[in-house]
């Protein structure tokens, strides 16, 4: 099976080779995620990201030197959950036509495009054996990385913890009084996330969900290619 061969080949790469293979999937996973938030916010009435030129597939507009490059590189070299972020796309929820309802769709857009990109990378793996090895093998390896990275980011961002997308979805779904109380967690959300990550609790929470989603993609997309 091509996937097994690619995973084996990935394990034999040097750290620098793995870094090179992972960088394109990482950059696009993070930056397209952010652009999707801006696009959906524009659709529901908030033009902030559009006016600032942030609704773009140009990674340069979204790259954060620390969150998009340094942190994923450290995670790649030392193992563990591939963690990173781009410059957040500014969204003024007060400008949305129905702020509490529309917040859900703006927040869900990021994880949704990560799922879409994971499927596209699976299709790229299907295509890779039909191409010359000098192009097909790197594409297949990037496909493996692309599935792993996008599924991880999707599952991570769906955690019900503000300011992650899952936290904003919870704020949208909860009754107004509870939503207001829940939203007060947001200033501490990133600190909580880092504590969970460095204590290995985050990995234990995410891994079962990541495995389920990856299995579904492999069984429904990859194996049928």
N, C-alpha and C. Protein backbone atom coordinates (compact mmCIF):
# COMPACT_ATOMS: atom_id res chain seq x y z
N UNK A 1 0.85 -1.20 0.00
CA UNK A 1 0.00 0.00 0.00
C UNK A 1 0.88 1.24 0.00
N UNK A 2 0.52 2.23 -0.84
CA UNK A 2 1.34 3.43 -1.01
C UNK A 2 1.50 4.20 0.30
N UNK A 3 0.44 4.27 1.12
CA UNK A 3 0.53 5.02 2.37
C UNK A 3 1.58 4.42 3.29
N UNK A 4 1.58 3.09 3.42
CA UNK A 4 2.56 2.43 4.28
C UNK A 4 3.98 2.71 3.80
N UNK A 5 4.18 2.66 2.49
CA UNK A 5 5.51 2.93 1.93
C UNK A 5 5.93 4.37 2.19
N UNK A 6 5.01 5.31 2.08
CA UNK A 6 5.34 6.72 2.31
C UNK A 6 5.67 6.98 3.79
N UNK A 7 4.90 6.36 4.68
CA UNK A 7 5.18 6.53 6.12
C UNK A 7 6.55 5.95 6.45
N UNK A 8 6.89 4.80 5.86
CA UNK A 8 8.20 4.21 6.06
C UNK A 8 9.29 5.13 5.53
N UNK A 9 9.07 5.69 4.34
CA UNK A 9 10.05 6.61 3.75
C UNK A 9 10.20 7.86 4.61
N UNK A 10 9.10 8.35 5.16
CA UNK A 10 9.15 9.54 6.02
C UNK A 10 10.00 9.28 7.26
N UNK A 11 9.89 8.08 7.82
CA UNK A 11 10.65 7.75 9.03
C UNK A 11 12.15 7.67 8.78
N UNK A 12 12.54 7.50 7.52
CA UNK A 12 13.96 7.38 7.19
C UNK A 12 14.59 8.71 6.80
N UNK A 13 13.80 9.78 6.78
CA UNK A 13 14.32 11.09 6.41
C UNK A 13 15.10 11.69 7.57
N UNK A 14 16.07 12.54 7.24
CA UNK A 14 16.77 13.30 8.27
C UNK A 14 15.84 14.40 8.79
N UNK A 15 16.23 15.01 9.90
CA UNK A 15 15.41 16.08 10.48
C UNK A 15 15.24 17.23 9.49
N UNK A 16 16.29 17.60 8.77
CA UNK A 16 16.20 18.69 7.81
C UNK A 16 15.29 18.32 6.64
N UNK A 17 15.35 17.07 6.20
CA UNK A 17 14.46 16.64 5.12
C UNK A 17 13.01 16.66 5.57
N UNK A 18 12.75 16.21 6.78
CA UNK A 18 11.38 16.25 7.31
C UNK A 18 10.89 17.70 7.41
N UNK A 19 11.78 18.57 7.84
CA UNK A 19 11.44 19.99 7.93
C UNK A 19 11.03 20.52 6.55
N UNK A 20 11.80 20.19 5.53
CA UNK A 20 11.51 20.66 4.17
C UNK A 20 10.17 20.11 3.68
N UNK A 21 9.91 18.84 3.94
CA UNK A 21 8.66 18.22 3.50
C UNK A 21 7.46 18.84 4.21
N UNK A 22 7.62 19.16 5.49
CA UNK A 22 6.50 19.65 6.29
C UNK A 22 6.18 21.12 6.09
N UNK A 23 7.14 21.92 5.64
CA UNK A 23 6.94 23.36 5.67
C UNK A 23 5.79 23.82 4.78
N UNK A 24 5.69 23.31 3.56
CA UNK A 24 4.59 23.76 2.69
C UNK A 24 3.23 23.38 3.27
N UNK A 25 3.02 22.12 3.69
CA UNK A 25 1.73 21.81 4.33
C UNK A 25 1.44 22.64 5.57
N UNK A 26 2.47 22.90 6.40
CA UNK A 26 2.26 23.70 7.61
C UNK A 26 1.83 25.12 7.25
N UNK A 27 2.56 25.75 6.32
CA UNK A 27 2.28 27.13 5.96
C UNK A 27 0.86 27.26 5.41
N UNK A 28 0.49 26.37 4.50
CA UNK A 28 -0.84 26.49 3.92
C UNK A 28 -1.94 26.08 4.90
N UNK A 29 -1.68 25.10 5.74
CA UNK A 29 -2.69 24.70 6.73
C UNK A 29 -3.05 25.85 7.66
N UNK A 30 -2.03 26.58 8.09
CA UNK A 30 -2.25 27.67 9.04
C UNK A 30 -2.80 28.91 8.35
N UNK A 31 -2.23 29.29 7.21
CA UNK A 31 -2.63 30.55 6.57
C UNK A 31 -4.00 30.46 5.89
N UNK A 32 -4.30 29.33 5.23
CA UNK A 32 -5.62 29.20 4.60
C UNK A 32 -6.70 29.14 5.69
N UNK A 33 -6.38 28.54 6.81
CA UNK A 33 -7.28 28.52 7.97
C UNK A 33 -7.68 29.95 8.34
N UNK A 34 -6.69 30.83 8.45
CA UNK A 34 -6.97 32.22 8.84
C UNK A 34 -7.74 32.96 7.75
N UNK A 35 -7.34 32.76 6.49
CA UNK A 35 -8.03 33.44 5.39
C UNK A 35 -9.50 33.04 5.36
N UNK A 36 -9.81 31.79 5.68
CA UNK A 36 -11.20 31.33 5.68
C UNK A 36 -12.04 32.09 6.70
N UNK A 37 -11.46 32.35 7.87
CA UNK A 37 -12.18 33.15 8.87
C UNK A 37 -12.56 34.52 8.28
N UNK A 38 -11.58 35.17 7.62
CA UNK A 38 -11.83 36.49 7.07
C UNK A 38 -12.88 36.47 5.96
N UNK A 39 -12.82 35.44 5.12
CA UNK A 39 -13.78 35.35 4.01
C UNK A 39 -15.20 35.18 4.54
N UNK A 40 -15.38 34.29 5.51
CA UNK A 40 -16.73 34.05 6.03
C UNK A 40 -17.21 35.27 6.83
N UNK A 41 -16.30 35.94 7.55
CA UNK A 41 -16.69 37.17 8.24
C UNK A 41 -17.19 38.22 7.25
N UNK A 42 -16.51 38.34 6.12
CA UNK A 42 -16.95 39.27 5.06
C UNK A 42 -18.33 38.89 4.56
N UNK A 43 -18.56 37.61 4.35
CA UNK A 43 -19.85 37.14 3.86
C UNK A 43 -20.98 37.52 4.82
N UNK A 44 -20.69 37.50 6.13
CA UNK A 44 -21.72 37.81 7.11
C UNK A 44 -21.71 39.28 7.55
N UNK A 45 -20.93 40.12 6.86
CA UNK A 45 -21.06 41.56 7.08
C UNK A 45 -19.87 42.29 7.67
N UNK A 46 -18.85 41.58 8.16
CA UNK A 46 -17.68 42.25 8.73
C UNK A 46 -16.60 42.39 7.68
N UNK A 47 -16.29 43.61 7.28
CA UNK A 47 -15.33 43.87 6.22
C UNK A 47 -13.92 44.13 6.75
N UNK A 48 -13.69 43.95 8.05
CA UNK A 48 -12.40 44.31 8.66
C UNK A 48 -11.24 43.62 7.98
N UNK A 49 -11.28 42.30 7.88
CA UNK A 49 -10.17 41.55 7.28
C UNK A 49 -10.00 41.91 5.80
N UNK A 50 -11.11 42.11 5.10
CA UNK A 50 -11.05 42.48 3.68
C UNK A 50 -10.37 43.82 3.50
N UNK A 51 -10.72 44.79 4.32
CA UNK A 51 -10.14 46.12 4.22
C UNK A 51 -8.65 46.13 4.54
N UNK A 52 -8.21 45.19 5.35
CA UNK A 52 -6.79 45.10 5.72
C UNK A 52 -6.01 44.18 4.79
N UNK A 53 -6.66 43.66 3.76
CA UNK A 53 -5.98 42.79 2.80
C UNK A 53 -5.65 41.42 3.33
N UNK A 54 -6.40 40.93 4.32
CA UNK A 54 -6.09 39.65 4.95
C UNK A 54 -6.88 38.49 4.37
N UNK A 55 -7.82 38.78 3.46
CA UNK A 55 -8.52 37.67 2.80
C UNK A 55 -7.69 37.33 1.56
N UNK A 56 -6.66 36.56 1.77
CA UNK A 56 -5.69 36.27 0.71
C UNK A 56 -5.11 34.89 0.93
N UNK A 57 -4.80 34.21 -0.17
CA UNK A 57 -4.11 32.92 -0.09
C UNK A 57 -2.61 33.10 -0.17
N UNK A 58 -2.15 34.33 -0.16
CA UNK A 58 -0.71 34.62 -0.13
C UNK A 58 -0.20 34.39 1.29
N UNK A 59 0.62 33.34 1.53
CA UNK A 59 1.05 33.04 2.90
C UNK A 59 1.80 34.19 3.57
N UNK A 60 2.46 35.04 2.78
CA UNK A 60 3.25 36.12 3.36
C UNK A 60 2.37 37.06 4.18
N UNK A 61 1.11 37.19 3.79
CA UNK A 61 0.20 38.08 4.52
C UNK A 61 -0.20 37.52 5.89
N UNK A 62 0.02 36.23 6.11
CA UNK A 62 -0.46 35.58 7.33
C UNK A 62 0.65 35.02 8.21
N UNK A 63 1.85 34.87 7.67
CA UNK A 63 2.92 34.20 8.41
C UNK A 63 3.31 34.99 9.66
N UNK A 64 3.35 34.30 10.78
CA UNK A 64 3.92 34.83 12.01
C UNK A 64 5.26 34.12 12.19
N UNK A 65 6.38 34.86 12.25
CA UNK A 65 7.70 34.19 12.30
C UNK A 65 7.82 33.17 13.42
N UNK A 66 7.22 33.45 14.56
CA UNK A 66 7.31 32.52 15.68
C UNK A 66 6.28 31.39 15.52
N UNK A 67 5.01 31.75 15.34
CA UNK A 67 3.95 30.75 15.35
C UNK A 67 3.89 29.88 14.11
N UNK A 68 4.26 30.45 12.94
CA UNK A 68 4.15 29.68 11.70
C UNK A 68 5.44 28.95 11.35
N UNK A 69 6.58 29.45 11.82
CA UNK A 69 7.86 28.87 11.43
C UNK A 69 8.61 28.25 12.61
N UNK A 70 8.88 29.05 13.64
CA UNK A 70 9.74 28.59 14.73
C UNK A 70 9.10 27.47 15.55
N UNK A 71 7.86 27.69 16.02
CA UNK A 71 7.21 26.71 16.89
C UNK A 71 6.97 25.38 16.17
N UNK A 72 6.43 25.39 14.93
CA UNK A 72 6.30 24.10 14.23
C UNK A 72 7.64 23.40 14.00
N UNK A 73 8.71 24.20 13.75
CA UNK A 73 10.03 23.59 13.55
C UNK A 73 10.51 22.91 14.82
N UNK A 74 10.31 23.55 15.96
CA UNK A 74 10.70 22.96 17.24
C UNK A 74 9.90 21.68 17.50
N UNK A 75 8.59 21.74 17.23
CA UNK A 75 7.75 20.56 17.43
C UNK A 75 8.19 19.42 16.53
N UNK A 76 8.58 19.76 15.29
CA UNK A 76 9.00 18.73 14.34
C UNK A 76 10.30 18.07 14.77
N UNK A 77 11.25 18.88 15.24
CA UNK A 77 12.56 18.34 15.61
C UNK A 77 12.50 17.54 16.91
N UNK A 78 11.64 17.96 17.84
CA UNK A 78 11.64 17.33 19.16
C UNK A 78 10.45 16.40 19.38
N UNK A 79 9.56 16.31 18.39
CA UNK A 79 8.42 15.41 18.52
C UNK A 79 7.27 16.06 19.27
N UNK A 80 6.18 15.34 19.36
CA UNK A 80 5.00 15.84 20.05
C UNK A 80 3.99 16.43 19.08
N UNK A 81 2.98 17.12 19.64
CA UNK A 81 1.91 17.70 18.83
C UNK A 81 2.47 18.82 17.98
N UNK A 82 2.18 18.78 16.67
CA UNK A 82 2.57 19.86 15.77
C UNK A 82 1.69 21.05 16.07
N UNK A 83 2.28 22.10 16.63
CA UNK A 83 1.54 23.22 17.17
C UNK A 83 2.02 24.49 16.49
N UNK A 84 1.10 25.38 16.14
CA UNK A 84 1.52 26.62 15.51
C UNK A 84 0.34 27.55 15.28
N UNK A 85 0.64 28.74 14.81
CA UNK A 85 -0.41 29.70 14.53
C UNK A 85 0.08 30.72 13.51
N UNK A 86 -0.85 31.39 12.86
CA UNK A 86 -0.54 32.49 11.97
C UNK A 86 -0.97 33.79 12.66
N UNK A 87 -0.71 34.92 12.00
CA UNK A 87 -1.23 36.18 12.52
C UNK A 87 -2.75 36.10 12.45
N UNK A 88 -3.44 36.24 13.59
CA UNK A 88 -4.90 36.09 13.56
C UNK A 88 -5.55 37.10 12.61
N UNK A 89 -6.49 36.63 11.83
CA UNK A 89 -7.27 37.53 10.98
C UNK A 89 -8.22 38.32 11.87
N UNK A 90 -8.19 39.65 11.79
CA UNK A 90 -9.06 40.46 12.67
C UNK A 90 -10.52 40.31 12.27
N UNK A 91 -11.35 39.98 13.24
CA UNK A 91 -12.79 39.88 13.03
C UNK A 91 -13.47 40.74 14.09
N UNK A 92 -14.30 41.66 13.64
CA UNK A 92 -15.11 42.48 14.55
C UNK A 92 -16.50 41.85 14.61
N UNK A 93 -16.71 41.04 15.64
CA UNK A 93 -17.97 40.30 15.71
C UNK A 93 -19.17 41.23 15.82
N UNK A 94 -18.95 42.45 16.32
CA UNK A 94 -20.04 43.41 16.42
C UNK A 94 -20.54 43.87 15.07
N UNK A 95 -19.74 43.70 14.02
CA UNK A 95 -20.16 44.10 12.68
C UNK A 95 -20.91 43.00 11.93
N UNK A 96 -20.93 41.80 12.47
CA UNK A 96 -21.68 40.73 11.83
C UNK A 96 -23.17 41.04 11.90
N UNK A 97 -23.92 40.58 10.92
CA UNK A 97 -25.35 40.92 10.87
C UNK A 97 -26.09 40.38 12.10
N UNK A 98 -25.77 39.16 12.49
CA UNK A 98 -26.32 38.59 13.73
C UNK A 98 -25.13 38.02 14.51
N UNK A 99 -24.47 38.85 15.32
CA UNK A 99 -23.16 38.49 15.89
C UNK A 99 -23.11 37.13 16.57
N UNK A 100 -24.06 36.82 17.44
CA UNK A 100 -23.97 35.57 18.20
C UNK A 100 -24.14 34.36 17.29
N UNK A 101 -25.07 34.44 16.34
CA UNK A 101 -25.29 33.32 15.42
C UNK A 101 -24.15 33.21 14.41
N UNK A 102 -23.78 34.33 13.81
CA UNK A 102 -22.79 34.30 12.73
C UNK A 102 -21.39 33.97 13.23
N UNK A 103 -21.14 34.21 14.54
CA UNK A 103 -19.85 33.85 15.12
C UNK A 103 -19.55 32.37 14.91
N UNK A 104 -20.59 31.54 14.98
CA UNK A 104 -20.40 30.10 14.81
C UNK A 104 -19.80 29.79 13.45
N UNK A 105 -20.36 30.41 12.38
CA UNK A 105 -19.91 30.11 11.03
C UNK A 105 -18.52 30.66 10.76
N UNK A 106 -18.22 31.83 11.31
CA UNK A 106 -16.88 32.40 11.17
C UNK A 106 -15.85 31.49 11.84
N UNK A 107 -16.16 31.04 13.05
CA UNK A 107 -15.24 30.19 13.78
C UNK A 107 -15.08 28.82 13.11
N UNK A 108 -16.18 28.25 12.62
CA UNK A 108 -16.14 26.91 12.04
C UNK A 108 -15.42 26.88 10.70
N UNK A 109 -15.27 28.04 10.05
CA UNK A 109 -14.65 28.07 8.72
C UNK A 109 -13.22 27.56 8.73
N UNK A 110 -12.46 27.90 9.77
CA UNK A 110 -11.06 27.47 9.84
C UNK A 110 -10.91 25.96 9.90
N UNK A 111 -11.52 25.28 10.90
CA UNK A 111 -11.44 23.82 10.93
C UNK A 111 -12.01 23.16 9.68
N UNK A 112 -13.05 23.76 9.09
CA UNK A 112 -13.65 23.17 7.89
C UNK A 112 -12.66 23.14 6.73
N UNK A 113 -11.90 24.23 6.54
CA UNK A 113 -10.93 24.23 5.43
C UNK A 113 -9.75 23.31 5.74
N UNK A 114 -9.42 23.13 7.02
CA UNK A 114 -8.38 22.15 7.35
C UNK A 114 -8.80 20.74 6.97
N UNK A 115 -10.07 20.41 7.20
CA UNK A 115 -10.57 19.10 6.77
C UNK A 115 -10.53 18.98 5.25
N UNK A 116 -10.92 20.03 4.56
CA UNK A 116 -10.88 20.03 3.10
C UNK A 116 -9.45 19.84 2.59
N UNK A 117 -8.49 20.55 3.21
CA UNK A 117 -7.10 20.41 2.77
C UNK A 117 -6.55 19.02 3.06
N UNK A 118 -6.96 18.41 4.17
CA UNK A 118 -6.53 17.04 4.46
C UNK A 118 -7.02 16.09 3.36
N UNK A 119 -8.25 16.29 2.90
CA UNK A 119 -8.79 15.45 1.82
C UNK A 119 -8.02 15.69 0.52
N UNK A 120 -7.69 16.96 0.25
CA UNK A 120 -6.93 17.27 -0.97
C UNK A 120 -5.54 16.63 -0.93
N UNK A 121 -4.89 16.65 0.25
CA UNK A 121 -3.58 15.99 0.37
C UNK A 121 -3.72 14.48 0.19
N UNK A 122 -4.82 13.90 0.65
CA UNK A 122 -5.04 12.46 0.42
C UNK A 122 -5.17 12.17 -1.07
N UNK A 123 -5.85 13.05 -1.79
CA UNK A 123 -5.96 12.89 -3.25
C UNK A 123 -4.59 13.03 -3.90
N UNK A 124 -3.74 13.90 -3.34
CA UNK A 124 -2.38 14.05 -3.87
C UNK A 124 -1.58 12.77 -3.70
N UNK A 125 -1.79 12.07 -2.59
CA UNK A 125 -1.13 10.77 -2.39
C UNK A 125 -1.59 9.79 -3.45
N UNK A 126 -2.89 9.78 -3.75
CA UNK A 126 -3.40 8.90 -4.80
C UNK A 126 -2.72 9.18 -6.14
N UNK A 127 -2.44 10.44 -6.39
CA UNK A 127 -1.84 10.84 -7.67
C UNK A 127 -0.35 10.53 -7.74
N UNK A 128 0.32 10.55 -6.59
CA UNK A 128 1.79 10.51 -6.57
C UNK A 128 2.41 9.30 -7.28
N UNK A 129 1.84 8.07 -7.20
CA UNK A 129 2.50 6.94 -7.90
C UNK A 129 2.45 7.06 -9.42
N UNK A 130 1.56 7.91 -9.94
CA UNK A 130 1.41 8.04 -11.39
C UNK A 130 2.39 9.06 -11.97
N UNK A 131 3.15 9.72 -11.10
CA UNK A 131 4.08 10.76 -11.53
C UNK A 131 5.51 10.25 -11.50
N UNK A 132 6.44 10.93 -12.20
CA UNK A 132 7.85 10.54 -12.11
C UNK A 132 8.33 10.57 -10.66
N UNK A 133 9.18 9.63 -10.24
CA UNK A 133 9.58 9.53 -8.83
C UNK A 133 10.17 10.81 -8.25
N UNK A 134 10.91 11.56 -9.07
CA UNK A 134 11.54 12.77 -8.55
C UNK A 134 10.50 13.82 -8.14
N UNK A 135 9.28 13.70 -8.66
CA UNK A 135 8.19 14.61 -8.27
C UNK A 135 7.14 13.88 -7.43
N UNK A 136 6.84 12.65 -7.80
CA UNK A 136 5.79 11.89 -7.12
C UNK A 136 6.11 11.58 -5.67
N UNK A 137 7.38 11.20 -5.40
CA UNK A 137 7.74 10.86 -4.02
C UNK A 137 7.63 12.07 -3.08
N UNK A 138 8.23 13.24 -3.42
CA UNK A 138 8.03 14.40 -2.53
C UNK A 138 6.56 14.78 -2.37
N UNK A 139 5.78 14.67 -3.45
CA UNK A 139 4.36 15.00 -3.35
C UNK A 139 3.66 14.03 -2.40
N UNK A 140 3.97 12.75 -2.50
CA UNK A 140 3.37 11.78 -1.60
C UNK A 140 3.75 12.02 -0.14
N UNK A 141 5.01 12.35 0.08
CA UNK A 141 5.46 12.63 1.45
C UNK A 141 4.78 13.89 1.99
N UNK A 142 4.65 14.91 1.15
CA UNK A 142 3.93 16.11 1.58
C UNK A 142 2.46 15.79 1.83
N UNK A 143 1.91 14.83 1.08
CA UNK A 143 0.54 14.42 1.31
C UNK A 143 0.35 13.81 2.68
N UNK A 144 1.29 12.95 3.08
CA UNK A 144 1.23 12.36 4.42
C UNK A 144 1.29 13.45 5.49
N UNK A 145 2.25 14.37 5.33
CA UNK A 145 2.39 15.48 6.28
C UNK A 145 1.14 16.35 6.27
N UNK A 146 0.60 16.60 5.06
CA UNK A 146 -0.57 17.46 4.95
C UNK A 146 -1.79 16.90 5.66
N UNK A 147 -2.00 15.60 5.55
CA UNK A 147 -3.11 14.97 6.27
C UNK A 147 -2.91 15.13 7.77
N UNK A 148 -1.72 14.77 8.25
CA UNK A 148 -1.45 14.81 9.69
C UNK A 148 -1.60 16.22 10.25
N UNK A 149 -1.02 17.20 9.56
CA UNK A 149 -1.01 18.57 10.06
C UNK A 149 -2.41 19.17 10.06
N UNK A 150 -3.14 18.99 8.97
CA UNK A 150 -4.47 19.59 8.88
C UNK A 150 -5.46 18.94 9.84
N UNK A 151 -5.38 17.63 9.99
CA UNK A 151 -6.28 16.97 10.95
C UNK A 151 -5.95 17.43 12.37
N UNK A 152 -4.65 17.53 12.68
CA UNK A 152 -4.27 17.99 14.02
C UNK A 152 -4.80 19.40 14.28
N UNK A 153 -4.61 20.31 13.31
CA UNK A 153 -5.08 21.68 13.49
C UNK A 153 -6.60 21.75 13.60
N UNK A 154 -7.29 20.94 12.82
CA UNK A 154 -8.75 20.93 12.89
C UNK A 154 -9.21 20.49 14.28
N UNK A 155 -8.67 19.37 14.76
CA UNK A 155 -9.08 18.85 16.06
C UNK A 155 -8.68 19.81 17.18
N UNK A 156 -7.46 20.34 17.11
CA UNK A 156 -6.99 21.29 18.13
C UNK A 156 -7.91 22.51 18.20
N UNK A 157 -8.23 23.07 17.04
CA UNK A 157 -9.03 24.30 17.03
C UNK A 157 -10.48 24.07 17.43
N UNK A 158 -10.94 22.82 17.40
CA UNK A 158 -12.30 22.54 17.83
C UNK A 158 -12.42 22.30 19.33
N UNK A 159 -11.29 22.35 20.05
CA UNK A 159 -11.38 22.27 21.51
C UNK A 159 -12.25 23.41 22.03
N UNK A 160 -13.18 23.14 22.94
CA UNK A 160 -14.06 24.20 23.45
C UNK A 160 -13.36 25.09 24.46
N UNK A 161 -12.35 25.80 23.99
CA UNK A 161 -11.55 26.67 24.85
C UNK A 161 -11.32 28.00 24.14
N UNK A 162 -11.94 29.08 24.60
CA UNK A 162 -11.63 30.37 23.99
C UNK A 162 -10.15 30.70 24.19
N UNK A 163 -9.45 31.28 23.21
CA UNK A 163 -9.97 31.86 21.96
C UNK A 163 -9.91 30.91 20.77
N UNK A 164 -9.78 29.60 20.99
CA UNK A 164 -9.81 28.66 19.88
C UNK A 164 -11.20 28.68 19.22
N UNK A 165 -11.25 28.18 18.00
CA UNK A 165 -12.51 28.21 17.26
C UNK A 165 -13.61 27.45 18.00
N UNK A 166 -13.25 26.34 18.62
CA UNK A 166 -14.25 25.58 19.37
C UNK A 166 -14.83 26.39 20.52
N UNK A 167 -14.01 27.23 21.13
CA UNK A 167 -14.50 28.10 22.20
C UNK A 167 -15.50 29.12 21.67
N UNK A 168 -15.21 29.68 20.50
CA UNK A 168 -16.14 30.65 19.91
C UNK A 168 -17.43 29.97 19.46
N UNK A 169 -17.32 28.74 18.99
CA UNK A 169 -18.53 28.00 18.63
C UNK A 169 -19.39 27.77 19.87
N UNK A 170 -18.74 27.44 21.00
CA UNK A 170 -19.48 27.25 22.24
C UNK A 170 -20.18 28.54 22.67
N UNK A 171 -19.48 29.68 22.56
CA UNK A 171 -20.08 30.96 22.90
C UNK A 171 -21.32 31.21 22.05
N UNK A 172 -21.24 30.84 20.78
CA UNK A 172 -22.37 31.03 19.88
C UNK A 172 -23.56 30.15 20.25
N UNK A 173 -23.27 28.93 20.71
CA UNK A 173 -24.34 27.96 20.98
C UNK A 173 -24.96 28.10 22.37
N UNK A 174 -24.18 28.56 23.33
CA UNK A 174 -24.69 28.65 24.70
C UNK A 174 -25.73 29.77 24.84
N UNK A 175 -26.65 29.63 25.78
CA UNK A 175 -27.54 30.76 26.09
C UNK A 175 -26.73 31.99 26.47
N UNK A 176 -27.27 33.17 26.21
CA UNK A 176 -26.49 34.41 26.32
C UNK A 176 -25.81 34.57 27.68
N UNK A 177 -26.51 34.26 28.76
CA UNK A 177 -25.91 34.46 30.09
C UNK A 177 -24.72 33.53 30.29
N UNK A 178 -24.88 32.25 29.92
CA UNK A 178 -23.78 31.30 30.05
C UNK A 178 -22.65 31.64 29.08
N UNK A 179 -23.01 32.08 27.88
CA UNK A 179 -22.00 32.44 26.89
C UNK A 179 -21.12 33.57 27.41
N UNK A 180 -21.72 34.56 28.05
CA UNK A 180 -20.97 35.70 28.59
C UNK A 180 -19.97 35.22 29.65
N UNK A 181 -20.41 34.32 30.52
CA UNK A 181 -19.52 33.79 31.56
C UNK A 181 -18.40 32.95 30.94
N UNK A 182 -18.75 32.12 29.98
CA UNK A 182 -17.77 31.24 29.33
C UNK A 182 -16.72 32.06 28.60
N UNK A 183 -17.13 33.16 27.96
CA UNK A 183 -16.21 33.99 27.18
C UNK A 183 -15.15 34.65 28.07
N UNK A 184 -15.39 34.75 29.38
CA UNK A 184 -14.42 35.36 30.28
C UNK A 184 -13.14 34.54 30.40
N UNK A 185 -13.19 33.27 29.94
CA UNK A 185 -11.99 32.41 29.98
C UNK A 185 -10.96 32.87 28.96
N UNK A 186 -11.38 33.59 27.92
CA UNK A 186 -10.52 33.87 26.77
C UNK A 186 -9.15 34.46 27.12
N UNK A 187 -9.03 35.44 28.03
CA UNK A 187 -7.69 35.98 28.32
C UNK A 187 -6.71 34.94 28.85
N UNK A 188 -7.22 33.84 29.39
CA UNK A 188 -6.36 32.80 29.97
C UNK A 188 -6.26 31.56 29.08
N UNK A 189 -6.97 31.58 27.95
CA UNK A 189 -7.05 30.39 27.11
C UNK A 189 -5.71 29.93 26.57
N UNK A 190 -4.90 30.87 26.11
CA UNK A 190 -3.60 30.49 25.53
C UNK A 190 -2.68 29.91 26.60
N UNK A 191 -2.72 30.48 27.80
CA UNK A 191 -1.90 29.96 28.90
C UNK A 191 -2.35 28.54 29.25
N UNK A 192 -3.66 28.34 29.32
CA UNK A 192 -4.19 26.99 29.61
C UNK A 192 -3.72 26.01 28.54
N UNK A 193 -3.76 26.45 27.28
CA UNK A 193 -3.36 25.58 26.17
C UNK A 193 -1.89 25.19 26.28
N UNK A 194 -1.03 26.15 26.61
CA UNK A 194 0.39 25.85 26.74
C UNK A 194 0.66 24.89 27.90
N UNK A 195 -0.05 25.09 29.01
CA UNK A 195 0.11 24.18 30.16
C UNK A 195 -0.30 22.77 29.77
N UNK A 196 -1.42 22.65 29.06
CA UNK A 196 -1.87 21.33 28.60
C UNK A 196 -0.87 20.69 27.65
N UNK A 197 -0.27 21.52 26.77
CA UNK A 197 0.67 20.99 25.80
C UNK A 197 1.94 20.49 26.47
N UNK A 198 2.53 21.29 27.34
CA UNK A 198 3.81 20.92 27.94
C UNK A 198 3.66 19.86 29.03
N UNK A 199 2.45 19.63 29.51
CA UNK A 199 2.20 18.56 30.47
C UNK A 199 1.79 17.26 29.79
N UNK A 200 1.74 17.29 28.44
CA UNK A 200 1.35 16.13 27.62
C UNK A 200 -0.13 15.77 27.75
N UNK A 201 -0.89 16.57 28.48
CA UNK A 201 -2.33 16.31 28.58
C UNK A 201 -3.01 16.61 27.25
N UNK A 202 -2.54 17.65 26.57
CA UNK A 202 -3.14 18.05 25.31
C UNK A 202 -3.07 16.90 24.30
N UNK A 203 -1.90 16.28 24.19
CA UNK A 203 -1.75 15.16 23.27
C UNK A 203 -2.67 14.01 23.61
N UNK A 204 -2.82 13.72 24.90
CA UNK A 204 -3.70 12.62 25.32
C UNK A 204 -5.16 12.91 24.97
N UNK A 205 -5.55 14.18 25.04
CA UNK A 205 -6.92 14.56 24.70
C UNK A 205 -7.15 14.47 23.19
N UNK A 206 -6.19 14.98 22.42
CA UNK A 206 -6.39 15.12 20.98
C UNK A 206 -6.19 13.83 20.20
N UNK A 207 -5.25 13.00 20.66
CA UNK A 207 -4.83 11.85 19.85
C UNK A 207 -5.97 10.93 19.42
N UNK A 208 -6.89 10.54 20.31
CA UNK A 208 -7.97 9.65 19.85
C UNK A 208 -8.81 10.27 18.73
N UNK A 209 -9.11 11.56 18.84
CA UNK A 209 -9.91 12.23 17.81
C UNK A 209 -9.13 12.34 16.50
N UNK A 210 -7.82 12.64 16.60
CA UNK A 210 -6.99 12.72 15.41
C UNK A 210 -6.97 11.38 14.69
N UNK A 211 -6.81 10.30 15.44
CA UNK A 211 -6.75 8.97 14.84
C UNK A 211 -8.05 8.61 14.14
N UNK A 212 -9.18 8.98 14.74
CA UNK A 212 -10.48 8.68 14.13
C UNK A 212 -10.63 9.42 12.81
N UNK A 213 -10.30 10.71 12.79
CA UNK A 213 -10.47 11.50 11.56
C UNK A 213 -9.51 11.02 10.48
N UNK A 214 -8.25 10.75 10.85
CA UNK A 214 -7.29 10.27 9.86
C UNK A 214 -7.74 8.92 9.28
N UNK A 215 -8.27 8.05 10.12
CA UNK A 215 -8.75 6.75 9.64
C UNK A 215 -9.90 6.92 8.67
N UNK A 216 -10.82 7.85 8.96
CA UNK A 216 -11.93 8.09 8.07
C UNK A 216 -11.46 8.62 6.71
N UNK A 217 -10.48 9.53 6.73
CA UNK A 217 -9.97 10.07 5.47
C UNK A 217 -9.28 8.98 4.66
N UNK A 218 -8.47 8.17 5.32
CA UNK A 218 -7.76 7.10 4.62
C UNK A 218 -8.74 6.10 4.03
N UNK A 219 -9.76 5.74 4.80
CA UNK A 219 -10.68 4.70 4.35
C UNK A 219 -11.65 5.19 3.28
N UNK A 220 -11.99 6.48 3.30
CA UNK A 220 -12.99 6.98 2.35
C UNK A 220 -12.40 7.69 1.15
N UNK A 221 -11.17 8.20 1.28
CA UNK A 221 -10.56 8.96 0.18
C UNK A 221 -9.35 8.22 -0.37
N UNK A 222 -8.41 7.92 0.50
CA UNK A 222 -7.12 7.41 0.04
C UNK A 222 -7.24 6.01 -0.56
N UNK A 223 -7.91 5.11 0.11
CA UNK A 223 -7.96 3.73 -0.35
C UNK A 223 -8.78 3.55 -1.62
N UNK A 224 -9.61 4.55 -1.93
CA UNK A 224 -10.43 4.45 -3.13
C UNK A 224 -9.75 5.05 -4.35
N UNK A 225 -8.59 5.69 -4.11
CA UNK A 225 -7.90 6.34 -5.23
C UNK A 225 -7.18 5.36 -6.11
